[in-house]
Amino acid sequence: MARMPKPIETPVPSRAELIDHLVRTRIAGQVATPRENNLSHYRKLANGDRHYWLGLELGDRWTDEQDVLAVMAERVGVVDDPTHRVGQDTIDPELTVAGLDRMAARLRKAALDRQSVLFATGHPGGLLDVHRATASALRAAGCEIVVIPAGLVADEGSVWQFADVAVMERGATLWHTHSPEPMAAILDGLAAAGRPQPDLVVADHGWAGCAAQRGLDAVGYADCNDPALFLGEAEGTLQVAVPLDDHVRDPRFYDPMVAYLLAAAGLLES
């Protein structure tokens, strides 16, 4: 692979340094999302509320919220005690870093094979620059960053691309959305234009779930109150779901995490 410019200036942390940083900034560890919110979302998913399926088709395989809790305890590190109903909940930072390592392996493959990659976020306030920096590194490695078709609409808003990342815009504001419809609009728009589907989708929320459900290689980030992507990973529909708080106080807190991810993927200049 050719030498590439560094897309970010943040020093690459060691694994131990990153884990300490994740806990200090509450990206993982004792996160801000309360236990009662987590359990409410697990229950609604189990009860068949499609809003919480994030574009995946879960059928009748996850109708017991205790089964959902068990997967979330295993893959995210939430408290596994079903009698813990309110108060603090957790994300295991070791699982966050393990997820980053799995994502890095898929990004490395994309770079080596010069694949086409689509980036999208339903959480622009937190994750936009995480995706932007990753897209920049992959472009420098020779990947095609997919340009979405113009004029796409979904959920009474516009689907735009900002800094290489597809987002939902409504009322001159980048929109926080869990909906799979914006990703469906992109993939349908690419097909209508006679353009190929992306080799890889890097996203979150329903953007990642929709792409994975359509059979595309998809990796993404998810919070402890968004269980669907972790169920999708458990079933093999989604390739990687990285557990983290997806909207911490300062989006710059994610910079060391991105530096670690890109270094692990071989996307930083040595």
C-alpha atoms as a PDB file:
ATOM      1  CA  MET A   1       0.000   0.000   0.000  1.00  0.00           C
ATOM      2  CA  ALA A   2       1.307   3.449  -0.866  1.00  0.00           C
ATOM      3  CA  ARG A   3       2.259   5.864   1.895  1.00  0.00           C
ATOM      4  CA  MET A   4      -0.620   8.109   2.785  1.00  0.00           C
ATOM      5  CA  PRO A   5      -0.955  11.458   4.514  1.00  0.00           C
ATOM      6  CA  LYS A   6      -2.287  11.460   8.040  1.00  0.00           C
ATOM      7  CA  PRO A   7      -5.972  12.476   7.916  1.00  0.00           C
ATOM      8  CA  ILE A   8      -5.992  13.520  11.588  1.00  0.00           C
ATOM      9  CA  GLU A   9      -3.446  15.043  13.951  1.00  0.00           C
ATOM     10  CA  THR A  10      -4.477  13.253  17.161  1.00  0.00           C
ATOM     11  CA  PRO A  11      -1.744  10.948  18.514  1.00  0.00           C
ATOM     12  CA  VAL A  12      -2.600   7.270  18.280  1.00  0.00           C
ATOM     13  CA  PRO A  13      -3.339   5.944  21.773  1.00  0.00           C
ATOM     14  CA  SER A  14      -2.334   2.518  22.982  1.00  0.00           C
ATOM     15  CA  ARG A  15      -5.163   0.116  23.761  1.00  0.00           C
ATOM     16  CA  ALA A  16      -4.839   0.871  27.482  1.00  0.00           C
ATOM     17  CA  GLU A  17      -4.735   4.619  26.859  1.00  0.00           C
ATOM     18  CA  LEU A  18      -7.828   4.418  24.677  1.00  0.00           C
ATOM     19  CA  ILE A  19      -9.752   2.428  27.265  1.00  0.00           C
ATOM     20  CA  ASP A  20      -8.867   5.025  29.898  1.00  0.00           C
ATOM     21  CA  HIS A  21      -9.970   7.813  27.551  1.00  0.00           C
ATOM     22  CA  LEU A  22     -13.272   6.096  26.713  1.00  0.00           C
ATOM     23  CA  VAL A  23     -14.111   5.793  30.398  1.00  0.00           C
ATOM     24  CA  ARG A  24     -13.034   9.351  31.297  1.00  0.00           C
ATOM     25  CA  THR A  25     -15.122  10.887  28.498  1.00  0.00           C
ATOM     26  CA  ARG A  26     -18.043   8.484  29.085  1.00  0.00           C
ATOM     27  CA  ILE A  27     -17.965   7.137  25.544  1.00  0.00           C
ATOM     28  CA  ALA A  28     -17.917   3.839  27.437  1.00  0.00           C
ATOM     29  CA  GLY A  29     -17.916   2.838  31.087  1.00  0.00           C
ATOM     30  CA  GLN A  30     -20.633   4.573  33.093  1.00  0.00           C
ATOM     31  CA  VAL A  31     -22.468   6.203  30.204  1.00  0.00           C
ATOM     32  CA  ALA A  32     -25.143   8.885  30.283  1.00  0.00           C
ATOM     33  CA  THR A  33     -27.940   6.713  28.862  1.00  0.00           C
ATOM     34  CA  PRO A  34     -30.010   5.613  31.878  1.00  0.00           C
ATOM     35  CA  ARG A  35     -30.926   2.006  32.564  1.00  0.00           C
ATOM     36  CA  GLU A  36     -34.652   2.658  32.312  1.00  0.00           C
ATOM     37  CA  ASN A  37     -34.231   4.071  28.787  1.00  0.00           C
ATOM     38  CA  ASN A  38     -32.243   1.010  27.731  1.00  0.00           C
ATOM     39  CA  LEU A  39     -34.812  -1.433  29.061  1.00  0.00           C
ATOM     40  CA  SER A  40     -37.665   0.542  27.500  1.00  0.00           C
ATOM     41  CA  HIS A  41     -36.048   0.266  24.073  1.00  0.00           C
ATOM     42  CA  TYR A  42     -35.357  -3.446  24.512  1.00  0.00           C
ATOM     43  CA  ARG A  43     -39.010  -3.982  25.418  1.00  0.00           C
ATOM     44  CA  LYS A  44     -40.297  -1.973  22.473  1.00  0.00           C
ATOM     45  CA  LEU A  45     -38.065  -3.880  20.059  1.00  0.00           C
ATOM     46  CA  ALA A  46     -39.293  -7.182  21.490  1.00  0.00           C
ATOM     47  CA  ASN A  47     -42.887  -5.986  21.174  1.00  0.00           C
ATOM     48  CA  GLY A  48     -42.380  -5.451  17.438  1.00  0.00           C
ATOM     49  CA  ASP A  49     -42.070  -1.645  17.277  1.00  0.00           C
ATOM     50  CA  ARG A  50     -40.328  -1.203  13.895  1.00  0.00           C
ATOM     51  CA  HIS A  51     -38.841   2.130  14.942  1.00  0.00           C
ATOM     52  CA  TYR A  52     -36.449   0.161  17.144  1.00  0.00           C
ATOM     53  CA  TRP A  53     -35.574  -2.444  14.499  1.00  0.00           C
ATOM     54  CA  LEU A  54     -33.406   0.134  12.673  1.00  0.00           C
ATOM     55  CA  GLY A  55     -34.149  -1.223   9.220  1.00  0.00           C
ATOM     56  CA  LEU A  56     -33.507  -4.866  10.101  1.00  0.00           C
ATOM     57  CA  GLU A  57     -36.125  -7.597   9.735  1.00  0.00           C
ATOM     58  CA  LEU A  58     -36.083  -9.375  13.075  1.00  0.00           C
ATOM     59  CA  GLY A  59     -39.227 -11.447  12.536  1.00  0.00           C
ATOM     60  CA  ASP A  60     -40.368 -13.236  15.675  1.00  0.00           C
ATOM     61  CA  ARG A  61     -36.876 -14.176  16.790  1.00  0.00           C
ATOM     62  CA  TRP A  62     -36.528 -11.535  19.507  1.00  0.00           C
ATOM     63  CA  THR A  63     -39.920 -11.353  21.199  1.00  0.00           C
ATOM     64  CA  ASP A  64     -38.533 -11.841  24.717  1.00  0.00           C
ATOM     65  CA  GLU A  65     -36.908  -8.715  26.100  1.00  0.00           C
ATOM     66  CA  GLN A  66     -34.762 -10.869  28.399  1.00  0.00           C
ATOM     67  CA  ASP A  67     -33.178 -12.443  25.314  1.00  0.00           C
ATOM     68  CA  VAL A  68     -32.430  -8.960  24.022  1.00  0.00           C
ATOM     69  CA  LEU A  69     -30.917  -8.010  27.385  1.00  0.00           C
ATOM     70  CA  ALA A  70     -28.723 -11.114  27.306  1.00  0.00           C
ATOM     71  CA  VAL A  71     -27.275 -10.156  23.911  1.00  0.00           C
ATOM     72  CA  MET A  72     -26.720  -6.578  25.046  1.00  0.00           C
ATOM     73  CA  ALA A  73     -24.914  -7.761  28.179  1.00  0.00           C
ATOM     74  CA  GLU A  74     -22.682 -10.003  26.069  1.00  0.00           C
ATOM     75  CA  ARG A  75     -21.938  -7.626  23.204  1.00  0.00           C
ATOM     76  CA  VAL A  76     -22.185  -4.199  24.865  1.00  0.00           C
ATOM     77  CA  GLY A  77     -21.569  -4.781  28.542  1.00  0.00           C
ATOM     78  CA  VAL A  78     -24.814  -3.457  29.982  1.00  0.00           C
ATOM     79  CA  VAL A  79     -25.705  -4.793  33.427  1.00  0.00           C
ATOM     80  CA  ASP A  80     -26.963  -8.346  32.939  1.00  0.00           C
ATOM     81  CA  ASP A  81     -29.186  -8.372  36.052  1.00  0.00           C
ATOM     82  CA  PRO A  82     -32.834  -8.138  34.880  1.00  0.00           C
ATOM     83  CA  THR A  83     -33.871  -6.823  38.307  1.00  0.00           C
ATOM     84  CA  HIS A  84     -31.695  -3.711  37.787  1.00  0.00           C
ATOM     85  CA  ARG A  85     -34.446  -1.480  36.435  1.00  0.00           C
ATOM     86  CA  VAL A  86     -33.337   2.136  37.041  1.00  0.00           C
ATOM     87  CA  GLY A  87     -30.180   4.156  37.457  1.00  0.00           C
ATOM     88  CA  GLN A  88     -26.725   3.692  35.968  1.00  0.00           C
ATOM     89  CA  ASP A  89     -25.984   1.418  33.026  1.00  0.00           C
ATOM     90  CA  THR A  90     -22.689   0.631  31.394  1.00  0.00           C
ATOM     91  CA  ILE A  91     -20.804  -0.060  28.172  1.00  0.00           C
ATOM     92  CA  ASP A  92     -17.726  -2.235  28.568  1.00  0.00           C
ATOM     93  CA  PRO A  93     -14.794  -0.280  27.064  1.00  0.00           C
ATOM     94  CA  GLU A  94     -13.031  -3.563  26.271  1.00  0.00           C
ATOM     95  CA  LEU A  95     -15.977  -4.450  24.025  1.00  0.00           C
ATOM     96  CA  THR A  96     -15.806  -1.011  22.401  1.00  0.00           C
ATOM     97  CA  VAL A  97     -12.149  -1.510  21.519  1.00  0.00           C
ATOM     98  CA  ALA A  98     -12.790  -5.081  20.364  1.00  0.00           C
ATOM     99  CA  GLY A  99     -15.492  -3.703  18.049  1.00  0.00           C
ATOM    100  CA  LEU A 100     -13.075  -1.089  16.723  1.00  0.00           C
ATOM    101  CA  ASP A 101     -10.570  -3.850  16.001  1.00  0.00           C
ATOM    102  CA  ARG A 102     -13.183  -5.811  14.029  1.00  0.00           C
ATOM    103  CA  MET A 103     -14.171  -2.688  12.122  1.00  0.00           C
ATOM    104  CA  ALA A 104     -10.516  -1.926  11.415  1.00  0.00           C
ATOM    105  CA  ALA A 105     -10.081  -5.357   9.833  1.00  0.00           C
ATOM    106  CA  ARG A 106     -12.975  -4.657   7.450  1.00  0.00           C
ATOM    107  CA  LEU A 107     -11.625  -1.188   6.621  1.00  0.00           C
ATOM    108  CA  ARG A 108      -8.222  -2.699   5.897  1.00  0.00           C
ATOM    109  CA  LYS A 109      -9.823  -5.095   3.410  1.00  0.00           C
ATOM    110  CA  ALA A 110     -11.670  -2.201   1.761  1.00  0.00           C
ATOM    111  CA  ALA A 111      -8.392  -0.327   1.354  1.00  0.00           C
ATOM    112  CA  LEU A 112      -6.450  -3.311   0.027  1.00  0.00           C
ATOM    113  CA  ASP A 113      -9.173  -4.120  -2.526  1.00  0.00           C
ATOM    114  CA  ARG A 114      -9.817  -0.439  -3.434  1.00  0.00           C
ATOM    115  CA  GLN A 115     -13.491  -0.922  -2.688  1.00  0.00           C
ATOM    116  CA  SER A 116     -16.322   1.585  -2.989  1.00  0.00           C
ATOM    117  CA  VAL A 117     -17.521   2.775   0.423  1.00  0.00           C
ATOM    118  CA  LEU A 118     -20.626   4.702   1.439  1.00  0.00           C
ATOM    119  CA  PHE A 119     -20.687   6.679   4.682  1.00  0.00           C
ATOM    120  CA  ALA A 120     -23.858   7.826   6.436  1.00  0.00           C
ATOM    121  CA  THR A 121     -24.962   8.975   9.861  1.00  0.00           C
ATOM    122  CA  GLY A 122     -28.212   9.471  11.701  1.00  0.00           C
ATOM    123  CA  HIS A 123     -26.260  11.106  14.532  1.00  0.00           C
ATOM    124  CA  PRO A 124     -24.516  14.075  12.891  1.00  0.00           C
ATOM    125  CA  GLY A 125     -24.117  15.930  16.185  1.00  0.00           C
ATOM    126  CA  GLY A 126     -21.863  13.199  17.496  1.00  0.00           C
ATOM    127  CA  LEU A 127     -20.528  10.993  14.729  1.00  0.00           C
ATOM    128  CA  LEU A 128     -20.288  13.130  11.585  1.00  0.00           C
ATOM    129  CA  ASP A 129     -16.579  13.804  11.943  1.00  0.00           C
ATOM    130  CA  VAL A 130     -15.870  10.187  12.937  1.00  0.00           C
ATOM    131  CA  HIS A 131     -17.226   9.128   9.555  1.00  0.00           C
ATOM    132  CA  ARG A 132     -15.634  12.070   7.724  1.00  0.00           C
ATOM    133  CA  ALA A 133     -12.145  11.235   8.983  1.00  0.00           C
ATOM    134  CA  THR A 134     -12.580   7.570   8.102  1.00  0.00           C
ATOM    135  CA  ALA A 135     -13.765   8.455   4.605  1.00  0.00           C
ATOM    136  CA  SER A 136     -10.777  10.748   4.111  1.00  0.00           C
ATOM    137  CA  ALA A 137      -8.367   7.979   5.114  1.00  0.00           C
ATOM    138  CA  LEU A 138      -9.992   5.443   2.809  1.00  0.00           C
ATOM    139  CA  ARG A 139      -9.953   7.864  -0.123  1.00  0.00           C
ATOM    140  CA  ALA A 140      -6.240   8.432   0.458  1.00  0.00           C
ATOM    141  CA  ALA A 141      -5.820   4.644   0.353  1.00  0.00           C
ATOM    142  CA  GLY A 142      -7.437   4.486  -3.082  1.00  0.00           C
ATOM    143  CA  CYS A 143     -11.036   3.686  -2.219  1.00  0.00           C
ATOM    144  CA  GLU A 144     -13.964   5.256  -4.029  1.00  0.00           C
ATOM    145  CA  ILE A 145     -16.142   7.198  -1.602  1.00  0.00           C
ATOM    146  CA  VAL A 146     -19.620   6.813  -3.028  1.00  0.00           C
ATOM    147  CA  VAL A 147     -21.307  10.052  -4.103  1.00  0.00           C
ATOM    148  CA  ILE A 148     -25.038   9.792  -3.540  1.00  0.00           C
ATOM    149  CA  PRO A 149     -27.535  10.766  -6.263  1.00  0.00           C
ATOM    150  CA  ALA A 150     -28.919  14.297  -6.178  1.00  0.00           C
ATOM    151  CA  GLY A 151     -32.467  15.170  -5.247  1.00  0.00           C
ATOM    152  CA  LEU A 152     -33.166  12.340  -2.818  1.00  0.00           C
ATOM    153  CA  VAL A 153     -35.969  12.742  -0.300  1.00  0.00           C
ATOM    154  CA  ALA A 154     -37.107  10.634   2.645  1.00  0.00           C
ATOM    155  CA  ASP A 155     -39.208  11.145   5.771  1.00  0.00           C
ATOM    156  CA  GLU A 156     -40.271  14.643   4.628  1.00  0.00           C
ATOM    157  CA  GLY A 157     -36.676  15.775   4.365  1.00  0.00           C
ATOM    158  CA  SER A 158     -33.732  15.811   1.989  1.00  0.00           C
ATOM    159  CA  VAL A 159     -30.880  13.299   1.900  1.00  0.00           C
ATOM    160  CA  TRP A 160     -27.665  15.200   1.383  1.00  0.00           C
ATOM    161  CA  GLN A 161     -23.968  14.449   1.499  1.00  0.00           C
ATOM    162  CA  PHE A 162     -21.861  16.633   3.723  1.00  0.00           C
ATOM    163  CA  ALA A 163     -18.092  16.087   4.092  1.00  0.00           C
ATOM    164  CA  ASP A 164     -18.432  12.712   2.302  1.00  0.00           C
ATOM    165  CA  VAL A 165     -21.134  11.566   4.738  1.00  0.00           C
ATOM    166  CA  ALA A 166     -24.803  11.112   3.853  1.00  0.00           C
ATOM    167  CA  VAL A 167     -27.117  12.881   6.287  1.00  0.00           C
ATOM    168  CA  MET A 168     -30.749  13.822   6.660  1.00  0.00           C
ATOM    169  CA  GLU A 169     -31.579  17.527   6.305  1.00  0.00           C
ATOM    170  CA  ARG A 170     -34.808  19.161   7.318  1.00  0.00           C
ATOM    171  CA  GLY A 171     -35.454  22.849   7.896  1.00  0.00           C
ATOM    172  CA  ALA A 172     -31.825  23.816   7.172  1.00  0.00           C
ATOM    173  CA  THR A 173     -30.732  21.488   9.990  1.00  0.00           C
ATOM    174  CA  LEU A 174     -28.885  18.182   9.952  1.00  0.00           C
ATOM    175  CA  TRP A 175     -31.329  15.735  11.475  1.00  0.00           C
ATOM    176  CA  HIS A 176     -30.951  13.062  14.137  1.00  0.00           C
ATOM    177  CA  THR A 177     -32.804  10.039  12.775  1.00  0.00           C
ATOM    178  CA  HIS A 178     -33.064   6.319  13.437  1.00  0.00           C
ATOM    179  CA  SER A 179     -35.051   5.759  10.240  1.00  0.00           C
ATOM    180  CA  PRO A 180     -33.875   3.358   7.529  1.00  0.00           C
ATOM    181  CA  GLU A 181     -35.687   5.350   4.840  1.00  0.00           C
ATOM    182  CA  PRO A 182     -32.819   7.731   3.965  1.00  0.00           C
ATOM    183  CA  MET A 183     -30.497   4.791   3.286  1.00  0.00           C
ATOM    184  CA  ALA A 184     -33.225   3.074   1.263  1.00  0.00           C
ATOM    185  CA  ALA A 185     -33.535   6.255  -0.812  1.00  0.00           C
ATOM    186  CA  ILE A 186     -29.780   6.240  -1.509  1.00  0.00           C
ATOM    187  CA  LEU A 187     -29.591   2.583  -2.489  1.00  0.00           C
ATOM    188  CA  ASP A 188     -32.719   2.834  -4.638  1.00  0.00           C
ATOM    189  CA  GLY A 189     -31.374   6.026  -6.206  1.00  0.00           C
ATOM    190  CA  LEU A 190     -28.093   4.338  -7.095  1.00  0.00           C
ATOM    191  CA  ALA A 191     -29.976   1.436  -8.689  1.00  0.00           C
ATOM    192  CA  ALA A 192     -32.270   3.786 -10.629  1.00  0.00           C
ATOM    193  CA  ALA A 193     -29.224   5.601 -11.994  1.00  0.00           C
ATOM    194  CA  GLY A 194     -27.677   2.321 -13.127  1.00  0.00           C
ATOM    195  CA  ARG A 195     -24.866   2.660 -10.627  1.00  0.00           C
ATOM    196  CA  PRO A 196     -23.501  -0.228  -8.545  1.00  0.00           C
ATOM    197  CA  GLN A 197     -24.276  -0.692  -4.890  1.00  0.00           C
ATOM    198  CA  PRO A 198     -21.379   0.093  -2.527  1.00  0.00           C
ATOM    199  CA  ASP A 199     -18.960  -2.651  -1.550  1.00  0.00           C
ATOM    200  CA  LEU A 200     -19.108  -1.441   2.053  1.00  0.00           C
ATOM    201  CA  VAL A 201     -21.374   0.793   4.111  1.00  0.00           C
ATOM    202  CA  VAL A 202     -20.031   2.494   7.245  1.00  0.00           C
ATOM    203  CA  ALA A 203     -22.884   4.034   9.178  1.00  0.00           C
ATOM    204  CA  ASP A 204     -25.061   3.916  12.290  1.00  0.00           C
ATOM    205  CA  HIS A 205     -28.718   3.693  13.264  1.00  0.00           C
ATOM    206  CA  GLY A 206     -31.193   2.726  10.521  1.00  0.00           C
ATOM    207  CA  TRP A 207     -28.695   3.705   7.825  1.00  0.00           C
ATOM    208  CA  ALA A 208     -26.518   0.726   8.815  1.00  0.00           C
ATOM    209  CA  GLY A 209     -29.454  -1.586   9.478  1.00  0.00           C
ATOM    210  CA  CYS A 210     -31.083  -0.937   6.102  1.00  0.00           C
ATOM    211  CA  ALA A 211     -27.837  -1.553   4.207  1.00  0.00           C
ATOM    212  CA  ALA A 212     -27.176  -4.785   6.099  1.00  0.00           C
ATOM    213  CA  GLN A 213     -30.730  -6.014   5.570  1.00  0.00           C
ATOM    214  CA  ARG A 214     -30.291  -5.519   1.817  1.00  0.00           C
ATOM    215  CA  GLY A 215     -27.326  -7.854   1.891  1.00  0.00           C
ATOM    216  CA  LEU A 216     -24.545  -5.265   1.718  1.00  0.00           C
ATOM    217  CA  ASP A 217     -21.424  -5.449   3.832  1.00  0.00           C
ATOM    218  CA  ALA A 218     -22.163  -2.997   6.635  1.00  0.00           C
ATOM    219  CA  VAL A 219     -20.385  -1.930   9.796  1.00  0.00           C
ATOM    220  CA  GLY A 220     -21.524   0.662  12.266  1.00  0.00           C
ATOM    221  CA  TYR A 221     -21.698   2.273  15.670  1.00  0.00           C
ATOM    222  CA  ALA A 222     -24.540   1.850  18.152  1.00  0.00           C
ATOM    223  CA  ASP A 223     -25.450   3.019  21.631  1.00  0.00           C
ATOM    224  CA  CYS A 224     -26.597   0.806  24.482  1.00  0.00           C
ATOM    225  CA  ASN A 225     -30.217   1.857  23.890  1.00  0.00           C
ATOM    226  CA  ASP A 226     -30.099   0.788  20.206  1.00  0.00           C
ATOM    227  CA  PRO A 227     -30.127  -3.023  20.464  1.00  0.00           C
ATOM    228  CA  ALA A 228     -31.112  -3.862  16.876  1.00  0.00           C
ATOM    229  CA  LEU A 229     -27.655  -3.513  15.366  1.00  0.00           C
ATOM    230  CA  PHE A 230     -26.178  -5.819  17.995  1.00  0.00           C
ATOM    231  CA  LEU A 231     -28.881  -8.385  17.286  1.00  0.00           C
ATOM    232  CA  GLY A 232     -28.064  -8.010  13.593  1.00  0.00           C
ATOM    233  CA  GLU A 233     -24.396  -8.646  14.315  1.00  0.00           C
ATOM    234  CA  ALA A 234     -25.287 -11.661  16.476  1.00  0.00           C
ATOM    235  CA  GLU A 235     -27.297 -13.080  13.571  1.00  0.00           C
ATOM    236  CA  GLY A 236     -24.604 -12.289  11.003  1.00  0.00           C
ATOM    237  CA  THR A 237     -26.622  -9.703   9.062  1.00  0.00           C
ATOM    238  CA  LEU A 238     -24.448  -6.778  10.145  1.00  0.00           C
ATOM    239  CA  GLN A 239     -20.713  -7.403  10.068  1.00  0.00           C
ATOM    240  CA  VAL A 240     -19.690  -5.181  12.986  1.00  0.00           C
ATOM    241  CA  ALA A 241     -21.511  -3.144  15.618  1.00  0.00           C
ATOM    242  CA  VAL A 242     -19.234  -1.023  17.825  1.00  0.00           C
ATOM    243  CA  PRO A 243     -20.790  -0.185  21.216  1.00  0.00           C
ATOM    244  CA  LEU A 244     -20.394   3.406  22.385  1.00  0.00           C
ATOM    245  CA  ASP A 245     -22.285   6.446  23.577  1.00  0.00           C
ATOM    246  CA  ASP A 246     -23.038   8.037  20.211  1.00  0.00           C
ATOM    247  CA  HIS A 247     -23.466  11.616  21.428  1.00  0.00           C
ATOM    248  CA  VAL A 248     -21.133  12.648  24.218  1.00  0.00           C
ATOM    249  CA  ARG A 249     -20.645  16.201  25.461  1.00  0.00           C
ATOM    250  CA  ASP A 250     -17.870  17.112  22.992  1.00  0.00           C
ATOM    251  CA  PRO A 251     -17.550  15.386  19.589  1.00  0.00           C
ATOM    252  CA  ARG A 252     -13.764  15.939  19.775  1.00  0.00           C
ATOM    253  CA  PHE A 253     -13.752  13.249  22.462  1.00  0.00           C
ATOM    254  CA  TYR A 254     -14.023  10.714  19.634  1.00  0.00           C
ATOM    255  CA  ASP A 255     -10.742  11.814  18.021  1.00  0.00           C
ATOM    256  CA  PRO A 256      -8.462   9.372  19.906  1.00  0.00           C
ATOM    257  CA  MET A 257     -10.886   6.566  19.075  1.00  0.00           C
ATOM    258  CA  VAL A 258     -10.709   7.427  15.378  1.00  0.00           C
ATOM    259  CA  ALA A 259      -6.919   7.616  15.519  1.00  0.00           C
ATOM    260  CA  TYR A 260      -6.824   4.130  17.060  1.00  0.00           C
ATOM    261  CA  LEU A 261      -9.272   2.786  14.451  1.00  0.00           C
ATOM    262  CA  LEU A 262      -7.374   4.154  11.483  1.00  0.00           C
ATOM    263  CA  ALA A 263      -4.017   3.013  12.827  1.00  0.00           C
ATOM    264  CA  ALA A 264      -5.394  -0.490  13.420  1.00  0.00           C
ATOM    265  CA  ALA A 265      -6.697  -0.487   9.842  1.00  0.00           C
ATOM    266  CA  GLY A 266      -3.289   0.511   8.468  1.00  0.00           C
ATOM    267  CA  LEU A 267      -4.651   3.804   7.226  1.00  0.00           C
ATOM    268  CA  LEU A 268      -2.197   6.133   8.953  1.00  0.00           C
ATOM    269  CA  GLU A 269       1.280   6.939   7.743  1.00  0.00           C
ATOM    270  CA  SER A 270       3.813   5.023   9.793  1.00  0.00           C
END
